């Protein structure tokens, strides 16, 4: 099946009977072929949202192989169940903007995955408050934007810098912003502008260590597990809906430098998974949490 005829339908609505039947029946009647389908109803437990989620990978006949036509076809079912639904063309590669500060391990890992075909995206630009990775961007043929923030910059200066990023996002029609260890606190306005389309990575320990060298603090406290969390960006620092997490076991034999290396490896893997699942339209928002169809 040509990729130009493949699409992903994602939807959420109040859980009720007949949703799967209506969706699959409509696709069948339109001559579409369902390649893969997953669904989940969040109906059990004290904190259940009562929502139903579905992801359908399907192939459309040539006469329907356009998002606008499929959206029109799906309009009645969307209205009937009051769905939040989106149709994505697989032939359209997501456009990414990456942001980085002084630690480039996550950036380098993602760029290699894109170059080697493991991550099917189009990286349109790299933004940094430092010039450290300008040559790395150049080696991949990607535009590098150095937007410095001097130490002690006030809120107005930071906001002006963010607005330059927002203009770049609009100009390049960016689908996803990836904070690949971008070490700046973002304003509520910037977080609102990128709601649902910005992913961050951070270390995740118990207890939680803050500051410039969290792995050194972890080493000093004798931590036995090192982890990382990838989540959507919100105005609540490091508290956005979680997409992916992982851990590695460490012990007393590791130096602080070795522990840092382990932690950075985990960060790379976790961020890469989160980005891939997002661009494959596998992540659906469920209040303060996510549904991830893996």
Protein backbone atom coordinates (compact mmCIF):
# COMPACT_ATOMS: atom_id res chain seq x y z
CA UNK A 1 0.00 0.00 0.00
CA UNK A 2 1.49 3.40 -0.97
CA UNK A 3 2.34 5.54 2.04
CA UNK A 4 0.32 8.39 0.52
CA UNK A 5 -2.83 6.34 1.18
CA UNK A 6 -2.09 5.61 4.87
CA UNK A 7 -3.56 7.65 7.71
CA UNK A 8 -3.85 7.68 11.51
CA UNK A 9 -7.13 8.52 13.21
CA UNK A 10 -6.94 9.47 16.90
CA UNK A 11 -10.00 10.27 18.97
CA UNK A 12 -11.31 10.74 22.48
CA UNK A 13 -14.83 11.20 23.85
CA UNK A 14 -17.06 10.15 26.72
CA UNK A 15 -17.04 6.37 27.04
CA UNK A 16 -20.26 4.86 25.64
CA UNK A 17 -21.43 1.89 23.61
CA UNK A 18 -21.14 1.81 19.84
CA UNK A 19 -18.01 3.89 19.29
CA UNK A 20 -15.80 1.16 17.82
CA UNK A 21 -18.69 -0.12 15.70
CA UNK A 22 -19.42 3.35 14.32
CA UNK A 23 -15.79 4.10 13.48
CA UNK A 24 -14.92 0.73 11.96
CA UNK A 25 -18.24 0.57 10.10
CA UNK A 26 -17.71 3.99 8.57
CA UNK A 27 -14.21 3.10 7.42
CA UNK A 28 -15.46 -0.19 5.95
CA UNK A 29 -18.29 1.49 4.07
CA UNK A 30 -15.84 4.04 2.64
CA UNK A 31 -13.60 1.27 1.31
CA UNK A 32 -10.81 1.83 3.83
CA UNK A 33 -8.68 -1.00 5.20
CA UNK A 34 -7.88 -1.01 8.93
CA UNK A 35 -4.22 -1.96 9.42
CA UNK A 36 -4.08 -1.59 13.21
CA UNK A 37 -6.54 -0.45 15.88
CA UNK A 38 -6.17 0.15 19.62
CA UNK A 39 -8.62 1.48 22.17
CA UNK A 40 -8.87 2.18 25.89
CA UNK A 41 -11.66 3.27 28.20
CA UNK A 42 -10.59 5.07 31.37
CA UNK A 43 -13.58 4.01 33.41
CA UNK A 44 -12.21 2.09 36.42
CA UNK A 45 -10.96 3.54 39.69
CA UNK A 46 -11.42 6.63 41.79
CA UNK A 47 -9.51 8.91 39.42
CA UNK A 48 -10.96 7.60 36.14
CA UNK A 49 -11.83 10.34 33.65
CA UNK A 50 -14.63 8.39 31.99
CA UNK A 51 -13.09 8.99 28.58
CA UNK A 52 -12.65 6.58 25.67
CA UNK A 53 -9.56 6.71 23.46
CA UNK A 54 -8.87 5.14 20.08
CA UNK A 55 -6.07 5.08 17.51
CA UNK A 56 -6.71 3.58 14.08
CA UNK A 57 -4.08 3.11 11.39
CA UNK A 58 -5.86 2.65 8.07
CA UNK A 59 -5.39 2.81 4.32
CA UNK A 60 -7.83 4.82 2.23
CA UNK A 61 -8.78 4.22 -1.42
CA UNK A 62 -7.15 6.63 -3.89
CA UNK A 63 -10.32 8.71 -4.28
CA UNK A 64 -10.37 9.42 -0.51
CA UNK A 65 -6.63 9.72 0.18
CA UNK A 66 -6.70 13.33 1.42
CA UNK A 67 -7.06 14.56 5.01
CA UNK A 68 -9.74 17.11 4.09
CA UNK A 69 -11.90 14.48 2.40
CA UNK A 70 -11.53 12.05 5.28
CA UNK A 71 -12.33 14.78 7.81
CA UNK A 72 -15.52 15.51 5.90
CA UNK A 73 -16.38 11.81 5.76
CA UNK A 74 -15.90 11.53 9.53
CA UNK A 75 -17.88 14.67 10.45
CA UNK A 76 -21.15 12.90 11.30
CA UNK A 77 -19.58 10.32 13.63
CA UNK A 78 -17.50 13.06 15.29
CA UNK A 79 -20.62 15.06 15.99
CA UNK A 80 -22.68 12.06 17.07
CA UNK A 81 -20.26 11.10 19.84
CA UNK A 82 -18.91 14.63 20.48
CA UNK A 83 -15.41 13.44 19.76
CA UNK A 84 -12.12 15.26 19.74
CA UNK A 85 -10.76 13.56 16.64
CA UNK A 86 -7.81 14.13 14.32
CA UNK A 87 -6.71 12.50 11.07
CA UNK A 88 -3.00 12.50 10.25
CA UNK A 89 -1.41 11.67 6.88
CA UNK A 90 1.56 9.31 7.25
CA UNK A 91 3.11 10.78 4.11
CA UNK A 92 3.52 14.12 5.90
CA UNK A 93 6.70 14.06 8.00
CA UNK A 94 6.37 15.96 11.31
CA UNK A 95 8.45 19.15 11.46
CA UNK A 96 10.58 19.49 14.62
CA UNK A 97 12.45 22.26 16.36
CA UNK A 98 15.03 21.23 18.97
CA UNK A 99 16.26 23.37 21.86
CA UNK A 100 19.47 22.73 23.79
CA UNK A 101 21.79 24.46 26.25
CA UNK A 102 25.21 23.10 27.31
CA UNK A 103 24.58 19.33 27.50
CA UNK A 104 24.29 17.88 24.00
CA UNK A 105 23.84 14.14 24.57
CA UNK A 106 20.08 14.10 23.90
CA UNK A 107 20.42 16.40 20.88
CA UNK A 108 23.21 14.31 19.37
CA UNK A 109 21.26 11.09 19.96
CA UNK A 110 18.09 12.40 18.30
CA UNK A 111 19.97 13.81 15.32
CA UNK A 112 21.68 10.45 14.76
CA UNK A 113 18.34 8.64 14.94
CA UNK A 114 16.91 11.00 12.34
CA UNK A 115 19.96 10.66 10.07
CA UNK A 116 19.96 6.87 10.30
CA UNK A 117 16.23 6.59 9.55
CA UNK A 118 15.17 5.46 13.02
CA UNK A 119 13.07 8.59 13.53
CA UNK A 120 11.02 9.74 10.55
CA UNK A 121 10.88 13.50 11.10
CA UNK A 122 12.13 16.70 9.52
CA UNK A 123 14.30 18.73 11.91
CA UNK A 124 13.86 22.29 10.71
CA UNK A 125 15.99 24.15 13.25
CA UNK A 126 18.02 23.98 16.45
CA UNK A 127 17.75 26.81 19.00
CA UNK A 128 20.20 27.37 21.85
CA UNK A 129 21.06 30.02 24.41
CA UNK A 130 24.71 29.03 23.83
CA UNK A 131 26.76 28.66 20.64
CA UNK A 132 28.24 25.31 21.73
CA UNK A 133 26.44 23.11 19.21
CA UNK A 134 26.49 25.35 16.14
CA UNK A 135 29.04 23.08 14.43
CA UNK A 136 27.01 19.96 15.24
CA UNK A 137 23.95 21.50 13.62
CA UNK A 138 26.04 22.51 10.62
CA UNK A 139 27.34 18.94 10.21
CA UNK A 140 23.74 17.77 9.82
CA UNK A 141 22.80 20.66 7.54
CA UNK A 142 20.32 22.11 10.04
CA UNK A 143 19.82 25.82 10.71
CA UNK A 144 21.22 26.87 14.10
CA UNK A 145 19.77 29.85 15.94
CA UNK A 146 21.87 31.26 18.77
CA UNK A 147 19.51 33.22 21.02
CA UNK A 148 21.65 34.12 24.04
CA UNK A 149 20.34 34.80 27.52
CA UNK A 150 23.00 36.51 29.67
CA UNK A 151 23.22 35.38 33.29
CA UNK A 152 20.73 37.22 35.44
CA UNK A 153 18.42 38.14 32.54
CA UNK A 154 15.13 39.55 33.77
CA UNK A 155 11.66 38.24 32.86
CA UNK A 156 11.21 40.76 30.05
CA UNK A 157 14.48 39.74 28.39
CA UNK A 158 13.60 36.05 28.65
CA UNK A 159 10.14 36.65 27.24
CA UNK A 160 11.59 38.58 24.28
CA UNK A 161 13.86 35.64 23.55
CA UNK A 162 10.92 33.22 23.76
CA UNK A 163 8.97 35.33 21.30
CA UNK A 164 11.79 34.87 18.80
CA UNK A 165 11.36 31.12 19.23
CA UNK A 166 7.59 31.44 18.82
CA UNK A 167 8.11 33.36 15.57
CA UNK A 168 10.44 30.60 14.34
CA UNK A 169 7.86 27.94 15.26
CA UNK A 170 5.23 29.76 13.22
CA UNK A 171 7.51 30.51 10.27
CA UNK A 172 8.74 26.92 10.00
CA UNK A 173 5.28 25.44 10.69
CA UNK A 174 6.71 23.38 13.55
CA UNK A 175 4.67 20.41 14.78
CA UNK A 176 6.79 19.56 17.84
CA UNK A 177 9.36 21.38 19.97
CA UNK A 178 11.83 19.09 21.75
CA UNK A 179 13.66 20.43 24.80
CA UNK A 180 16.80 18.31 24.52
CA UNK A 181 18.25 19.47 27.85
CA UNK A 182 17.32 23.13 27.37
CA UNK A 183 18.08 24.52 30.81
CA UNK A 184 15.80 27.53 31.05
CA UNK A 185 12.54 27.95 32.96
CA UNK A 186 9.83 28.74 30.43
CA UNK A 187 7.19 31.41 30.92
CA UNK A 188 3.48 30.51 31.26
CA UNK A 189 2.87 32.33 27.96
CA UNK A 190 5.44 30.23 26.13
CA UNK A 191 4.08 27.00 27.65
CA UNK A 192 0.53 27.97 26.62
CA UNK A 193 1.63 28.70 23.05
CA UNK A 194 3.19 25.21 22.79
CA UNK A 195 0.55 23.28 24.72
CA UNK A 196 0.56 19.62 23.69
CA UNK A 197 3.42 20.07 21.23
CA UNK A 198 6.53 20.50 23.39
CA UNK A 199 8.33 17.63 25.13
CA UNK A 200 10.92 17.95 27.90
CA UNK A 201 13.35 15.45 29.45
CA UNK A 202 14.66 15.54 33.00
CA UNK A 203 16.35 13.25 35.47
CA UNK A 204 14.01 11.47 37.85
CA UNK A 205 15.32 10.37 41.24
CA UNK A 206 13.90 9.42 44.58
CA UNK A 207 14.61 11.73 46.32
CA UNK A 208 14.50 14.44 43.67
CA UNK A 209 17.74 16.38 43.25
CA UNK A 210 17.77 19.91 41.91
CA UNK A 211 20.60 22.10 40.69
CA UNK A 212 23.39 21.93 38.14
CA UNK A 213 24.85 18.53 39.08
CA UNK A 214 22.01 16.23 40.16
CA UNK A 215 23.98 13.06 39.44
CA UNK A 216 26.75 14.16 41.78
CA UNK A 217 24.11 14.73 44.46
CA UNK A 218 22.71 11.27 43.73
CA UNK A 219 26.17 9.77 44.10
CA UNK A 220 26.68 11.52 47.43
CA UNK A 221 23.38 10.12 48.70
CA UNK A 222 24.05 6.56 47.55
CA UNK A 223 21.18 6.34 45.07
CA UNK A 224 20.48 2.81 43.78
CA UNK A 225 18.26 3.70 40.81
CA UNK A 226 18.81 6.39 38.18
CA UNK A 227 15.89 7.36 36.00
CA UNK A 228 14.54 9.84 33.49
CA UNK A 229 11.10 11.20 32.63
CA UNK A 230 9.84 12.66 29.35
CA UNK A 231 6.72 14.78 29.63
CA UNK A 232 4.75 17.50 27.93
CA UNK A 233 5.73 21.03 28.87
CA UNK A 234 3.40 22.98 31.16
CA UNK A 235 3.75 26.09 33.30
CA UNK A 236 4.12 23.81 36.33
CA UNK A 237 7.84 23.02 36.20
CA UNK A 238 8.51 19.32 35.43
CA UNK A 239 4.92 18.39 36.26
CA UNK A 240 3.42 18.03 32.77
CA UNK A 241 1.65 14.86 31.58
CA UNK A 242 4.17 12.00 31.53
CA UNK A 243 4.83 10.20 28.24
CA UNK A 244 7.67 7.81 29.14
CA UNK A 245 9.98 6.87 32.03
CA UNK A 246 12.80 4.39 32.58
CA UNK A 247 15.43 3.52 35.19
CA UNK A 248 18.84 1.88 35.46
CA UNK A 249 20.24 0.26 38.59
CA UNK A 250 23.52 1.64 39.95
CA UNK A 251 25.62 0.81 42.99
CA UNK A 252 28.43 1.98 45.25
CA UNK A 253 31.15 1.00 42.78
CA UNK A 254 30.31 3.78 40.33
CA UNK A 255 31.98 7.15 40.50
CA UNK A 256 29.94 10.31 40.16
CA UNK A 257 31.19 10.64 36.57
CA UNK A 258 30.16 7.06 35.73
CA UNK A 259 26.77 7.63 37.33
CA UNK A 260 26.34 10.77 35.20
CA UNK A 261 27.10 8.74 32.06
CA UNK A 262 24.49 6.14 32.99
CA UNK A 263 21.94 8.87 33.64
CA UNK A 264 22.59 10.57 30.33
CA UNK A 265 22.13 7.27 28.48
CA UNK A 266 18.72 6.82 30.13
CA UNK A 267 17.73 10.38 29.26
CA UNK A 268 18.55 9.77 25.58
CA UNK A 269 16.52 6.58 25.36
CA UNK A 270 13.50 7.95 27.21
CA UNK A 271 13.38 11.17 25.19
CA UNK A 272 13.75 9.29 21.89
CA UNK A 273 10.84 7.00 22.77
CA UNK A 274 8.63 9.93 23.76
CA UNK A 275 9.39 11.84 20.57
CA UNK A 276 8.80 8.77 18.38
CA UNK A 277 5.50 7.93 20.05
CA UNK A 278 4.33 11.53 19.72
CA UNK A 279 5.16 11.84 16.02
CA UNK A 280 3.54 8.44 15.38
CA UNK A 281 0.37 9.86 17.01
CA UNK A 282 0.40 7.27 19.78
CA UNK A 283 0.02 9.73 22.68
CA UNK A 284 -3.39 11.08 23.66
CA UNK A 285 -4.01 13.56 26.46
CA UNK A 286 -6.16 12.32 29.34
CA UNK A 287 -6.43 15.23 31.74
CA UNK A 288 -3.18 15.44 33.71
CA UNK A 289 -1.95 12.13 32.30
CA UNK A 290 -1.59 10.44 28.93
CA UNK A 291 -2.73 7.34 27.10
CA UNK A 292 0.14 5.85 25.07
CA UNK A 293 -0.73 3.22 22.44
CA UNK A 294 2.55 1.36 22.02
